[in-house]
Amino acid sequence: MWYKTIYCPWLHVNGMALYPFILVKEKHNLSNQQLINHELIHFKQQIELLILPFYFFYIIHYLINLLYYRQHQKAYFQIIFEQEAYKYDKDLNYLKRRRFLAFLYL
């Protein structure tokens, strides 16, 4: 899987996957394996959903969660895509055995 990691000090989050780029807020995170793995999990999700629909579903899921929980952090962590990425970001071998559309099976 090809990707480019880019240092973006203006970013408001530690990392962000915008296929095929991984944006990171702090220089030391350019080599943070857990953060990179988290974003690579998002790449797989994006590819499976043909990239643009991923962003649509991500935003819709966040907005629904925000209406339900009325709290940004809770809404963010309840996004189905984030649940998979956080659950497996420490497992650097996860992507090798990950099932297709795995975020649906959590």
C-alpha atoms as a PDB file:
ATOM      1  CA  MET A   1       0.000   0.000   0.000  1.00  0.00           C
ATOM      2  CA  TRP A   2       1.511   3.303  -1.088  1.00  0.00           C
ATOM      3  CA  TYR A   3       1.163   6.377   1.108  1.00  0.00           C
ATOM      4  CA  LYS A   4       2.981   9.570   1.996  1.00  0.00           C
ATOM      5  CA  THR A   5       3.242  10.872   5.566  1.00  0.00           C
ATOM      6  CA  ILE A   6       3.174  14.671   5.796  1.00  0.00           C
ATOM      7  CA  TYR A   7       3.949  16.941   8.741  1.00  0.00           C
ATOM      8  CA  CYS A   8       1.103  19.467   9.187  1.00  0.00           C
ATOM      9  CA  PRO A   9       1.579  21.593  12.351  1.00  0.00           C
ATOM     10  CA  TRP A  10      -1.753  23.403  11.726  1.00  0.00           C
ATOM     11  CA  LEU A  11      -3.702  20.141  12.079  1.00  0.00           C
ATOM     12  CA  HIS A  12      -6.152  20.053  15.020  1.00  0.00           C
ATOM     13  CA  VAL A  13      -5.786  16.284  15.579  1.00  0.00           C
ATOM     14  CA  ASN A  14      -2.724  14.030  16.013  1.00  0.00           C
ATOM     15  CA  GLY A  15      -3.233  12.329  12.655  1.00  0.00           C
ATOM     16  CA  MET A  16      -5.589  12.163   9.704  1.00  0.00           C
ATOM     17  CA  ALA A  17      -5.895   9.795   6.762  1.00  0.00           C
ATOM     18  CA  LEU A  18      -6.749  11.526   3.498  1.00  0.00           C
ATOM     19  CA  TYR A  19      -5.952   8.804   1.011  1.00  0.00           C
ATOM     20  CA  PRO A  20      -3.121   8.545  -0.077  1.00  0.00           C
ATOM     21  CA  PHE A  21      -1.724  10.928   2.560  1.00  0.00           C
ATOM     22  CA  ILE A  22      -1.295  10.569   6.292  1.00  0.00           C
ATOM     23  CA  LEU A  23      -1.169  13.993   7.918  1.00  0.00           C
ATOM     24  CA  VAL A  24       0.446  14.305  11.350  1.00  0.00           C
ATOM     25  CA  LYS A  25       0.450  17.294  13.700  1.00  0.00           C
ATOM     26  CA  GLU A  26       3.832  16.715  15.366  1.00  0.00           C
ATOM     27  CA  LYS A  27       7.126  15.736  13.750  1.00  0.00           C
ATOM     28  CA  HIS A  28       7.805  12.890  16.183  1.00  0.00           C
ATOM     29  CA  ASN A  29       4.584  11.238  14.965  1.00  0.00           C
ATOM     30  CA  LEU A  30       6.037  10.817  11.485  1.00  0.00           C
ATOM     31  CA  SER A  31       7.490   7.561  12.814  1.00  0.00           C
ATOM     32  CA  ASN A  32       4.830   6.682  15.420  1.00  0.00           C
ATOM     33  CA  GLN A  33       3.949   3.125  14.358  1.00  0.00           C
ATOM     34  CA  GLN A  34       0.705   2.978  16.322  1.00  0.00           C
ATOM     35  CA  LEU A  35      -0.561   6.258  14.861  1.00  0.00           C
ATOM     36  CA  ILE A  36       0.504   5.283  11.335  1.00  0.00           C
ATOM     37  CA  ASN A  37      -1.179   1.880  11.742  1.00  0.00           C
ATOM     38  CA  HIS A  38      -4.369   3.610  12.948  1.00  0.00           C
ATOM     39  CA  GLU A  39      -4.384   5.750   9.809  1.00  0.00           C
ATOM     40  CA  LEU A  40      -3.555   2.772   7.562  1.00  0.00           C
ATOM     41  CA  ILE A  41      -6.636   1.017   8.948  1.00  0.00           C
ATOM     42  CA  HIS A  42      -8.593   4.063   7.792  1.00  0.00           C
ATOM     43  CA  PHE A  43      -6.951   3.706   4.350  1.00  0.00           C
ATOM     44  CA  LYS A  44      -8.291   0.161   4.086  1.00  0.00           C
ATOM     45  CA  GLN A  45     -11.746   1.397   5.085  1.00  0.00           C
ATOM     46  CA  GLN A  46     -11.527   4.206   2.540  1.00  0.00           C
ATOM     47  CA  ILE A  47     -10.468   1.874  -0.264  1.00  0.00           C
ATOM     48  CA  GLU A  48     -13.250  -0.597   0.558  1.00  0.00           C
ATOM     49  CA  LEU A  49     -15.839   2.172   0.337  1.00  0.00           C
ATOM     50  CA  LEU A  50     -14.265   3.678  -2.796  1.00  0.00           C
ATOM     51  CA  ILE A  51     -12.806   6.661  -0.893  1.00  0.00           C
ATOM     52  CA  LEU A  52     -15.418   9.433  -1.250  1.00  0.00           C
ATOM     53  CA  PRO A  53     -18.332   7.436   0.220  1.00  0.00           C
ATOM     54  CA  PHE A  54     -16.109   6.729   3.243  1.00  0.00           C
ATOM     55  CA  TYR A  55     -15.925  10.455   4.034  1.00  0.00           C
ATOM     56  CA  PHE A  56     -19.681  10.827   3.540  1.00  0.00           C
ATOM     57  CA  PHE A  57     -20.485   7.938   5.900  1.00  0.00           C
ATOM     58  CA  TYR A  58     -17.843   9.106   8.383  1.00  0.00           C
ATOM     59  CA  ILE A  59     -19.342  12.603   8.620  1.00  0.00           C
ATOM     60  CA  ILE A  60     -22.934  11.338   8.716  1.00  0.00           C
ATOM     61  CA  HIS A  61     -22.097   8.855  11.467  1.00  0.00           C
ATOM     62  CA  TYR A  62     -20.343  11.594  13.449  1.00  0.00           C
ATOM     63  CA  LEU A  63     -23.303  13.998  13.097  1.00  0.00           C
ATOM     64  CA  ILE A  64     -25.803  11.340  14.146  1.00  0.00           C
ATOM     65  CA  ASN A  65     -23.612  10.495  17.134  1.00  0.00           C
ATOM     66  CA  LEU A  66     -23.299  14.177  18.006  1.00  0.00           C
ATOM     67  CA  LEU A  67     -27.072  14.575  18.029  1.00  0.00           C
ATOM     68  CA  TYR A  68     -27.408  11.469  20.176  1.00  0.00           C
ATOM     69  CA  TYR A  69     -24.545  12.016  22.643  1.00  0.00           C
ATOM     70  CA  ARG A  70     -24.359  15.844  22.466  1.00  0.00           C
ATOM     71  CA  GLN A  71     -20.640  15.658  23.091  1.00  0.00           C
ATOM     72  CA  HIS A  72     -17.866  15.817  20.472  1.00  0.00           C
ATOM     73  CA  GLN A  73     -15.498  13.313  22.072  1.00  0.00           C
ATOM     74  CA  LYS A  74     -18.176  10.673  22.682  1.00  0.00           C
ATOM     75  CA  ALA A  75     -19.562  11.160  19.163  1.00  0.00           C
ATOM     76  CA  TYR A  76     -16.078  10.806  17.658  1.00  0.00           C
ATOM     77  CA  PHE A  77     -15.186   7.613  19.544  1.00  0.00           C
ATOM     78  CA  GLN A  78     -18.524   6.035  18.584  1.00  0.00           C
ATOM     79  CA  ILE A  79     -17.876   6.386  14.846  1.00  0.00           C
ATOM     80  CA  ILE A  80     -17.759   2.812  13.558  1.00  0.00           C
ATOM     81  CA  PHE A  81     -14.562   3.477  11.580  1.00  0.00           C
ATOM     82  CA  GLU A  82     -12.794   4.877  14.649  1.00  0.00           C
ATOM     83  CA  GLN A  83     -13.880   1.943  16.781  1.00  0.00           C
ATOM     84  CA  GLU A  84     -12.081  -0.476  14.482  1.00  0.00           C
ATOM     85  CA  ALA A  85      -9.002   1.735  14.143  1.00  0.00           C
ATOM     86  CA  TYR A  86      -8.629   2.258  17.900  1.00  0.00           C
ATOM     87  CA  LYS A  87      -9.327  -1.386  18.698  1.00  0.00           C
ATOM     88  CA  TYR A  88      -6.515  -2.609  16.427  1.00  0.00           C
ATOM     89  CA  ASP A  89      -4.025   0.255  16.079  1.00  0.00           C
ATOM     90  CA  LYS A  90      -1.559  -1.398  18.502  1.00  0.00           C
ATOM     91  CA  ASP A  91      -1.627  -4.636  16.475  1.00  0.00           C
ATOM     92  CA  LEU A  92       0.856  -3.951  13.680  1.00  0.00           C
ATOM     93  CA  ASN A  93      -0.080  -7.234  11.960  1.00  0.00           C
ATOM     94  CA  TYR A  94      -3.822  -6.550  11.935  1.00  0.00           C
ATOM     95  CA  LEU A  95      -4.003  -5.358   8.336  1.00  0.00           C
ATOM     96  CA  LYS A  96      -2.509  -8.654   7.128  1.00  0.00           C
ATOM     97  CA  ARG A  97      -5.430 -10.641   8.508  1.00  0.00           C
ATOM     98  CA  ARG A  98      -8.190  -8.022   8.448  1.00  0.00           C
ATOM     99  CA  ARG A  99     -11.515  -9.142   6.980  1.00  0.00           C
ATOM    100  CA  PHE A 100     -13.189  -7.188   4.185  1.00  0.00           C
ATOM    101  CA  LEU A 101     -15.464  -4.497   5.679  1.00  0.00           C
ATOM    102  CA  ALA A 102     -14.277  -5.510   9.142  1.00  0.00           C
ATOM    103  CA  PHE A 103     -15.761  -2.375  10.738  1.00  0.00           C
ATOM    104  CA  LEU A 104     -19.213  -3.947  10.214  1.00  0.00           C
ATOM    105  CA  TYR A 105     -18.339  -6.949  12.407  1.00  0.00           C
ATOM    106  CA  LEU A 106     -17.283  -5.206  15.622  1.00  0.00           C
END
